[in-house]
Amino acid sequence: MMPLWLVVMKKELSEALRDKRTLSMLLMLTLVYPALVGFLLHTMIERGTRTEKAGIDLVVVGGAQAPNLLAQLRQKNVNVSESAAMSDADIGALLRKKKVVGVLRLAPEFGEYYAELRPAPLELWFDSSAEKRDQRLEVETILREYSNSVASARLQAHGVSAVILSPLRLQRYDSVSSATGGNARISAMLGMFFIPVLLFGLSSAIDSTAGERERRSLEVLMAQPIPVRELVAGKWLAASALAAIGLTVELLVAHGVLSKLPLEEIGMSWRLSLPMLAMVIGSTLPLCLFVGAVQVAMAMNSKTFKEAQASASIVAMLPILPLVIIPMMDLSTQNWMYAVPVLSNQTMFQALATGQALGWVPYALTCVLPLLLAGVAIAFASFRMKSERYVLAV
C-alpha cells in the first residue's frame, strides 16, 4: 500500500506541473538564467580578446616629431593614424564617435623640448564613457615604457648606469595554479545559481496551503482519514521536490554552457567533472527540504493567499543578503558560514572547486542543520493545520 504522504505528494506535484505559472517559472530559471550568465561570459571573452584580434586604433597629431615613438606604438599592435592639427572641439567630436581609443597630440614644441632634454609635452585625449578602458591603459603603458627607455638611453650617454634608477627588483610568484584560480572565480559566480532554489517550489507551497484554504478545498482534505502530519509532509515534499528538480536541471544546463566557453581567454577555467557536480547537487538536497518546509510554514501562518505570497517572497530574499554582504566585507572562509543556508552551499562549492580538503564539520553543518530547521518548520505547520480556526478561517 502506498504511504499516504506519497499520495498527497503525487497529487500536489501533478497539480503544480499542470499550472502554467509553475512551468513558466521552472523554464525561466533553469534555462534563461544559465543562458544569461553564458552570454555575459561570452561578452567578457570577446572584450578580452578584442585587442589581440583587432588591435588598438589611435589617432596621433604631430607624430612627425617623434618617429621612434610611432614605431614603438606600431610594434605593440597599435594602429596609428596620423592626422593634421586638430582643435579641442575636433578631438571631442572624434572621440564621441567611439571608433578610436584616443587621440595622442604632440605639442608644437615637442621636438625642441625633446632635443634639449627637457620634458616633451604630449596629450592623450580619451572618452571615459567608451568601453575601451583596457585599450587606453595599454596605450599609457606603452608610453611609460617608451619614456623609461629614453631616460635610460640618456643616462647611458652621460656615462651613468640606468640601474641606479631601480634600487630594488621585485619578482612576484603566485603559488596558485591557473586552474585553481579560475575555478575560484567561476565558483563564486556559480554560487548565484543557488538563489533560484528559493523560487522553484514557492508557487506550489503557497497554492497547496493558503490557496486551498481560500478555495475551501483544504476542508475536504481534512475530512479524509489521513493524519495531519502525513498531509503536511506530502505538501512539503512536493514543494521540495520542485526545488530539487529545478536546481538539478539548472546546474546541469549551467555545466553544459560553461564547459563550451573558452574561459581560458579571460583567465578562468571550467575543470569540474560530472561526479563533482553531483556532489554539489547532493549537498543541496537538505537545502531544498529546508526551503520547502519554511515556505509551507510561512504560507500556513498567513491569513490570506496574498499575505502568504508577500511573507514567503520576503523570506525567500533574505538568504541573498549574505551572498552580497560577505564578498563586500572580504571575509575569509569560516565554519559559521556553513551554518547559513545558501551561503553554506556556495562556500562548500568554492572549496571543492579550488581543491580544498573539507573536514566533517562543514558537511555536517551544510546538511544536518537545514534538516533540523526543516523539522522545526514542519512541526509548526502541523500544529497550525490541527487548528480548526485556521482551516475554517474563523
Protein backbone atom coordinates (compact mmCIF):
# COMPACT_ATOMS: atom_id res chain seq x y z
CA MET A 1 0.00 0.00 0.00
CA MET A 2 1.31 3.43 -0.95
CA PRO A 3 2.11 5.72 2.02
CA LEU A 4 -0.41 8.50 2.49
CA TRP A 5 2.21 11.24 2.35
CA LEU A 6 3.33 9.91 -1.02
CA VAL A 7 -0.24 10.05 -2.31
CA VAL A 8 -0.52 13.70 -1.25
CA MET A 9 2.88 14.46 -2.75
CA LYS A 10 1.95 12.95 -6.12
CA LYS A 11 -1.32 14.85 -6.13
CA GLU A 12 0.40 18.18 -5.39
CA LEU A 13 3.11 17.57 -7.99
CA SER A 14 0.60 16.71 -10.70
CA GLU A 15 -1.40 19.85 -9.94
CA ALA A 16 1.72 22.02 -9.84
CA LEU A 17 3.03 20.71 -13.16
CA ARG A 18 -0.33 21.41 -14.78
CA ASP A 19 -0.06 25.03 -13.67
CA LYS A 20 1.38 27.21 -16.43
CA ARG A 21 2.81 29.65 -13.89
CA THR A 22 4.86 26.94 -12.21
CA LEU A 23 6.13 25.58 -15.51
CA SER A 24 7.00 29.08 -16.70
CA MET A 25 8.96 29.74 -13.54
CA LEU A 26 10.87 26.48 -13.86
CA LEU A 27 11.62 27.12 -17.52
CA MET A 28 12.72 30.69 -16.95
CA LEU A 29 15.04 29.97 -14.02
CA THR A 30 16.52 26.72 -15.35
CA LEU A 31 17.21 27.89 -18.90
CA VAL A 32 17.19 31.68 -19.10
CA TYR A 33 19.48 32.36 -16.14
CA PRO A 34 22.29 29.97 -17.23
CA ALA A 35 21.96 31.31 -20.76
CA LEU A 36 22.26 34.87 -19.45
CA VAL A 37 25.40 34.04 -17.47
CA GLY A 38 26.82 32.30 -20.53
CA PHE A 39 26.10 35.36 -22.66
CA LEU A 40 27.80 37.67 -20.14
CA LEU A 41 30.88 35.44 -20.02
CA HIS A 42 30.92 35.26 -23.81
CA THR A 43 30.84 39.07 -23.93
CA MET A 44 33.74 39.23 -21.45
CA ILE A 45 35.73 36.83 -23.62
CA GLU A 46 35.03 38.90 -26.73
CA ARG A 47 36.14 42.07 -24.98
CA GLY A 48 39.22 40.40 -23.54
CA THR A 49 40.41 39.13 -26.92
CA ARG A 50 39.29 42.11 -29.00
CA THR A 51 42.63 43.89 -28.51
CA GLU A 52 44.67 40.99 -29.85
CA LYS A 53 42.32 40.34 -32.75
CA ALA A 54 41.65 43.86 -33.98
CA GLY A 55 44.45 45.94 -32.44
CA ILE A 56 44.16 49.40 -30.91
CA ASP A 57 43.10 52.36 -33.05
CA LEU A 58 44.91 55.55 -32.04
CA VAL A 59 44.99 58.93 -33.78
CA VAL A 60 48.28 60.85 -33.44
CA VAL A 61 48.54 64.59 -34.07
CA GLY A 62 52.05 65.92 -34.75
CA GLY A 63 53.55 62.45 -34.95
CA ALA A 64 56.26 63.56 -37.40
CA GLN A 65 58.17 64.98 -34.41
CA ALA A 66 58.54 61.53 -32.79
CA PRO A 67 59.03 58.80 -35.43
CA ASN A 68 60.58 56.43 -32.90
CA LEU A 69 57.53 56.74 -30.65
CA LEU A 70 55.22 55.90 -33.57
CA ALA A 71 57.38 52.90 -34.42
CA GLN A 72 57.15 51.71 -30.82
CA LEU A 73 53.34 52.04 -30.87
CA ARG A 74 53.03 50.12 -34.14
CA GLN A 75 55.33 47.42 -32.82
CA LYS A 76 52.93 46.95 -29.86
CA ASN A 77 49.95 46.26 -32.17
CA VAL A 78 48.62 49.83 -32.14
CA ASN A 79 47.01 51.02 -35.36
CA VAL A 80 48.39 54.56 -35.62
CA SER A 81 46.58 57.07 -37.84
CA GLU A 82 48.49 60.32 -38.26
CA SER A 83 46.40 63.46 -38.51
CA ALA A 84 46.91 67.15 -39.11
CA ALA A 85 46.45 69.70 -36.36
CA MET A 86 43.13 69.34 -34.55
CA SER A 87 41.38 71.69 -32.18
CA ASP A 88 39.96 70.61 -28.83
CA ALA A 89 36.45 70.65 -30.29
CA ASP A 90 37.51 68.48 -33.24
CA ILE A 91 39.12 65.95 -30.89
CA GLY A 92 35.97 65.83 -28.75
CA ALA A 93 33.79 65.28 -31.83
CA LEU A 94 36.05 62.45 -32.99
CA LEU A 95 36.03 60.72 -29.61
CA ARG A 96 32.24 60.92 -29.36
CA LYS A 97 32.04 58.59 -32.35
CA LYS A 98 33.74 55.96 -30.10
CA LYS A 99 35.70 54.50 -33.02
CA VAL A 100 39.21 55.13 -31.65
CA VAL A 101 40.64 54.54 -28.21
CA GLY A 102 42.03 58.07 -28.02
CA VAL A 103 43.93 60.92 -29.63
CA LEU A 104 47.62 61.48 -28.86
CA ARG A 105 48.51 65.09 -29.56
CA LEU A 106 52.14 66.22 -29.52
CA ALA A 107 52.64 69.90 -28.75
CA PRO A 108 54.38 72.03 -31.44
CA GLU A 109 57.38 72.43 -29.14
CA PHE A 110 57.67 68.68 -28.57
CA GLY A 111 60.71 68.24 -30.86
CA GLU A 112 62.51 71.28 -29.45
CA TYR A 113 62.00 70.21 -25.83
CA TYR A 114 63.00 66.63 -26.68
CA ALA A 115 66.27 67.80 -28.27
CA GLU A 116 67.06 69.99 -25.25
CA LEU A 117 66.48 67.01 -22.86
CA ARG A 118 63.50 68.76 -21.36
CA PRO A 119 60.16 67.01 -20.63
CA ALA A 120 58.47 66.97 -24.02
CA PRO A 121 54.74 67.78 -23.72
CA LEU A 122 52.13 65.48 -25.22
CA GLU A 123 48.43 64.97 -24.52
CA LEU A 124 46.31 61.81 -24.51
CA TRP A 125 42.64 62.56 -25.13
CA PHE A 126 40.04 59.85 -24.49
CA ASP A 127 36.37 59.31 -23.74
CA SER A 128 35.95 57.52 -20.40
CA SER A 129 32.36 56.56 -21.26
CA ALA A 130 33.56 54.39 -24.15
CA GLU A 131 34.17 50.68 -23.49
CA LYS A 132 37.87 50.97 -24.30
CA ARG A 133 39.41 51.34 -20.86
CA ASP A 134 41.73 48.33 -21.18
CA GLN A 135 43.00 49.54 -24.55
CA ARG A 136 43.63 53.04 -23.19
CA LEU A 137 45.58 51.63 -20.24
CA GLU A 138 47.66 49.59 -22.67
CA VAL A 139 48.50 52.76 -24.64
CA GLU A 140 49.52 54.51 -21.41
CA THR A 141 51.74 51.55 -20.53
CA ILE A 142 53.45 51.74 -23.92
CA LEU A 143 54.07 55.47 -23.44
CA ARG A 144 55.59 54.88 -19.98
CA GLU A 145 57.82 52.12 -21.30
CA TYR A 146 59.00 54.36 -24.13
CA SER A 147 59.68 57.21 -21.68
CA ASN A 148 61.71 54.89 -19.43
CA SER A 149 63.74 53.58 -22.38
CA VAL A 150 64.56 57.13 -23.48
CA ALA A 151 65.59 58.06 -19.94
CA SER A 152 67.85 55.02 -19.72
CA ALA A 153 69.49 55.83 -23.06
CA ARG A 154 70.17 59.41 -21.98
CA LEU A 155 71.75 58.28 -18.71
CA GLN A 156 73.99 55.83 -20.50
CA ALA A 157 75.02 58.56 -22.96
CA HIS A 158 76.25 60.59 -19.98
CA GLY A 159 78.13 57.65 -18.51
CA VAL A 160 75.56 56.91 -15.83
CA SER A 161 74.15 53.44 -15.48
CA ALA A 162 70.37 53.28 -15.62
CA VAL A 163 70.47 50.62 -12.89
CA ILE A 164 70.68 53.33 -10.22
CA LEU A 165 67.07 54.27 -11.02
CA SER A 166 65.93 50.82 -9.88
CA PRO A 167 67.45 50.06 -6.46
CA LEU A 168 65.00 47.19 -5.96
CA ARG A 169 63.91 44.41 -8.29
CA LEU A 170 60.67 42.81 -7.20
CA GLN A 171 59.68 39.42 -8.56
CA ARG A 172 56.18 38.08 -7.93
CA TYR A 173 55.34 34.38 -7.71
CA ASP A 174 51.71 33.29 -7.43
CA SER A 175 51.57 29.81 -5.93
CA VAL A 176 48.02 29.18 -7.10
CA SER A 177 47.68 27.31 -10.36
CA SER A 178 45.76 28.81 -13.24
CA ALA A 179 43.12 26.11 -12.97
CA THR A 180 42.65 26.70 -9.26
CA GLY A 181 42.44 30.46 -9.62
CA GLY A 182 39.99 30.13 -12.48
CA ASN A 183 37.82 27.69 -10.55
CA ALA A 184 37.74 30.08 -7.59
CA ARG A 185 36.35 32.84 -9.76
CA ILE A 186 33.92 30.61 -11.61
CA SER A 187 32.66 29.03 -8.38
CA ALA A 188 31.92 32.45 -6.92
CA MET A 189 29.84 33.19 -10.00
CA LEU A 190 28.13 29.81 -9.87
CA GLY A 191 27.17 30.49 -6.26
CA MET A 192 24.48 32.78 -7.62
CA PHE A 193 22.82 29.73 -9.20
CA PHE A 194 21.75 28.58 -5.74
CA ILE A 195 19.47 31.58 -5.29
CA PRO A 196 16.65 30.34 -7.60
CA VAL A 197 16.20 27.31 -5.34
CA LEU A 198 14.17 29.69 -3.19
CA LEU A 199 11.71 30.25 -6.04
CA PHE A 200 11.27 26.87 -7.71
CA GLY A 201 8.75 25.48 -5.23
CA LEU A 202 7.36 28.77 -3.93
CA SER A 203 4.22 28.75 -6.07
CA SER A 204 3.38 25.15 -5.15
CA ALA A 205 3.96 25.73 -1.42
CA ILE A 206 1.62 28.73 -1.34
CA ASP A 207 -1.06 27.31 -3.60
CA SER A 208 -1.25 23.97 -1.74
CA THR A 209 -1.76 25.66 1.63
CA ALA A 210 -3.09 29.23 1.60
CA GLY A 211 -4.59 28.74 -1.85
CA GLU A 212 -6.51 25.60 -0.91
CA ARG A 213 -7.61 27.27 2.29
CA GLU A 214 -9.22 30.15 0.37
CA ARG A 215 -10.77 27.76 -2.16
CA ARG A 216 -12.19 25.68 0.74
CA SER A 217 -10.62 22.54 -0.70
CA LEU A 218 -8.47 22.17 2.42
CA GLU A 219 -11.59 21.28 4.40
CA VAL A 220 -12.22 18.37 2.05
CA LEU A 221 -8.72 17.06 2.60
CA MET A 222 -9.03 17.43 6.36
CA ALA A 223 -12.27 15.42 6.25
CA GLN A 224 -10.38 12.43 4.83
CA PRO A 225 -9.00 9.75 7.17
CA ILE A 226 -5.42 10.98 6.93
CA PRO A 227 -3.19 12.18 9.77
CA VAL A 228 -2.24 15.84 9.70
CA ARG A 229 1.46 15.06 9.67
CA GLU A 230 1.02 12.92 6.53
CA LEU A 231 -0.88 15.72 4.82
CA VAL A 232 1.68 18.37 5.70
CA ALA A 233 4.57 16.07 4.78
CA GLY A 234 3.12 15.47 1.32
CA LYS A 235 2.76 19.19 0.62
CA TRP A 236 6.23 19.87 1.99
CA LEU A 237 7.92 17.17 -0.06
CA ALA A 238 6.11 18.28 -3.22
CA ALA A 239 7.45 21.83 -2.89
CA SER A 240 10.91 20.50 -2.00
CA ALA A 241 10.87 18.12 -4.99
CA LEU A 242 10.17 21.01 -7.37
CA ALA A 243 13.06 22.94 -5.83
CA ALA A 244 15.39 19.93 -6.19
CA ILE A 245 14.32 19.24 -9.80
CA GLY A 246 14.71 22.87 -10.81
CA LEU A 247 18.11 23.22 -9.17
CA THR A 248 19.42 19.98 -10.70
CA VAL A 249 18.34 20.95 -14.21
CA GLU A 250 19.69 24.47 -13.75
CA LEU A 251 23.14 23.28 -12.65
CA LEU A 252 23.30 20.73 -15.47
CA VAL A 253 22.40 23.40 -18.02
CA ALA A 254 24.98 25.74 -16.50
CA HIS A 255 27.59 22.97 -16.69
CA GLY A 256 26.79 22.41 -20.36
CA VAL A 257 27.01 26.13 -21.16
CA LEU A 258 30.18 26.91 -19.22
CA SER A 259 32.06 23.83 -20.44
CA LYS A 260 31.65 25.02 -24.04
CA LEU A 261 33.05 28.52 -23.47
CA PRO A 262 36.80 29.27 -23.95
CA LEU A 263 37.12 30.65 -20.43
CA GLU A 264 40.92 30.37 -20.59
CA GLU A 265 40.89 33.53 -22.71
CA ILE A 266 39.92 35.58 -19.63
CA GLY A 267 41.99 33.68 -17.05
CA MET A 268 39.25 31.27 -15.97
CA SER A 269 38.76 27.57 -16.48
CA TRP A 270 35.99 25.02 -16.12
CA ARG A 271 37.56 21.82 -14.82
CA LEU A 272 34.63 20.47 -12.82
CA SER A 273 33.63 16.93 -13.62
CA LEU A 274 30.15 15.48 -13.50
CA PRO A 275 30.91 13.50 -10.29
CA MET A 276 31.94 16.71 -8.53
CA LEU A 277 28.82 18.43 -9.82
CA ALA A 278 26.78 15.50 -8.49
CA MET A 279 28.36 16.08 -5.06
CA VAL A 280 27.29 19.71 -5.19
CA ILE A 281 23.75 18.76 -6.17
CA GLY A 282 23.61 16.15 -3.41
CA SER A 283 24.68 18.69 -0.80
CA THR A 284 21.81 20.97 -1.87
CA LEU A 285 19.05 18.42 -1.19
CA PRO A 286 18.87 19.34 2.53
CA LEU A 287 18.65 22.97 1.42
CA CYS A 288 15.70 22.12 -0.83
CA LEU A 289 13.96 20.37 2.06
CA PHE A 290 14.60 23.35 4.34
CA VAL A 291 13.32 25.87 1.80
CA GLY A 292 10.17 23.85 1.14
CA ALA A 293 9.45 23.50 4.85
CA VAL A 294 9.89 27.20 5.57
CA GLN A 295 7.71 28.22 2.64
CA VAL A 296 4.93 25.83 3.66
CA ALA A 297 5.10 27.02 7.27
CA MET A 298 5.06 30.69 6.26
CA ALA A 299 2.13 30.15 3.91
CA MET A 300 0.12 28.26 6.55
CA ASN A 301 0.77 31.01 9.09
CA SER A 302 -0.78 33.59 6.76
CA LYS A 303 -4.44 34.52 6.83
CA THR A 304 -4.86 35.11 3.09
CA PHE A 305 -3.30 33.99 -0.17
CA LYS A 306 -1.86 37.45 -0.84
CA GLU A 307 -0.36 37.64 2.63
CA ALA A 308 1.26 34.27 2.07
CA GLN A 309 2.75 35.47 -1.20
CA ALA A 310 4.16 38.61 0.41
CA SER A 311 5.63 36.92 3.50
CA ALA A 312 7.09 33.94 1.65
CA SER A 313 8.60 36.18 -1.02
CA ILE A 314 10.30 38.36 1.61
CA VAL A 315 11.68 35.32 3.41
CA ALA A 316 12.94 33.98 0.06
CA MET A 317 15.02 37.11 -0.44
CA LEU A 318 16.72 37.06 2.99
CA PRO A 319 19.38 34.41 2.12
CA ILE A 320 20.60 36.65 -0.70
CA LEU A 321 21.93 39.22 1.78
CA PRO A 322 24.94 37.15 3.00
CA LEU A 323 25.89 36.45 -0.63
CA VAL A 324 26.13 40.19 -1.22
CA ILE A 325 27.47 41.45 2.12
CA ILE A 326 30.22 38.88 2.78
CA PRO A 327 32.12 39.44 -0.53
CA MET A 328 31.92 43.20 0.11
CA MET A 329 33.47 42.72 3.57
CA ASP A 330 36.15 40.42 2.09
CA LEU A 331 35.81 37.86 4.89
CA SER A 332 37.82 34.67 4.84
CA THR A 333 36.03 31.32 4.92
CA GLN A 334 34.97 30.35 8.45
CA ASN A 335 32.99 27.43 9.84
CA TRP A 336 29.96 29.56 10.75
CA MET A 337 29.41 30.24 7.05
CA TYR A 338 28.47 26.59 6.59
CA ALA A 339 25.58 27.11 9.00
CA VAL A 340 23.90 29.77 6.83
CA PRO A 341 21.56 28.30 4.19
CA VAL A 342 22.52 29.07 0.58
CA LEU A 343 25.78 30.68 1.72
CA SER A 344 26.91 27.28 3.03
CA ASN A 345 26.34 25.66 -0.37
CA GLN A 346 28.20 28.41 -2.17
CA THR A 347 31.10 28.26 0.31
CA MET A 348 31.33 24.48 0.02
CA PHE A 349 31.32 24.63 -3.75
CA GLN A 350 34.12 27.20 -3.74
CA ALA A 351 36.18 24.93 -1.51
CA LEU A 352 35.57 21.88 -3.71
CA ALA A 353 36.30 23.82 -6.90
CA THR A 354 39.65 25.04 -5.56
CA GLY A 355 40.73 21.59 -4.42
CA GLN A 356 40.49 22.21 -0.68
CA ALA A 357 40.05 19.30 1.68
CA LEU A 358 36.98 19.69 3.89
CA GLY A 359 36.55 18.04 7.25
CA TRP A 360 33.34 16.59 8.58
CA VAL A 361 32.21 19.83 10.25
CA PRO A 362 31.34 21.71 7.01
CA TYR A 363 29.42 18.71 5.68
CA ALA A 364 27.56 18.32 8.97
CA LEU A 365 26.61 21.98 9.17
CA THR A 366 25.61 22.14 5.50
CA CYS A 367 23.45 19.01 5.59
CA VAL A 368 22.31 18.42 9.17
CA LEU A 369 21.39 21.95 10.27
CA PRO A 370 18.94 22.60 7.37
CA LEU A 371 17.26 19.26 8.10
CA LEU A 372 16.83 20.18 11.77
CA LEU A 373 15.39 23.57 10.85
CA ALA A 374 13.10 21.90 8.33
CA GLY A 375 11.82 19.60 11.07
CA VAL A 376 11.02 22.58 13.27
CA ALA A 377 9.18 24.33 10.44
CA ILE A 378 7.12 21.22 9.59
CA ALA A 379 6.23 20.72 13.25
CA PHE A 380 4.93 24.29 13.35
CA ALA A 381 2.99 23.77 10.10
CA SER A 382 1.40 20.59 11.50
CA PHE A 383 0.41 22.46 14.65
CA ARG A 384 -1.29 25.13 12.54
CA MET A 385 -3.06 22.53 10.42
CA LYS A 386 -4.61 20.94 13.50
CA SER A 387 -6.32 24.19 14.37
CA GLU A 388 -9.94 24.31 13.19
CA ARG A 389 -9.88 28.11 13.41
CA TYR A 390 -7.10 28.14 10.82
CA VAL A 391 -8.73 25.61 8.47
CA LEU A 392 -12.13 27.26 8.63
CA ALA A 393 -10.64 30.77 8.51
CA VAL A 394 -12.51 31.96 11.57
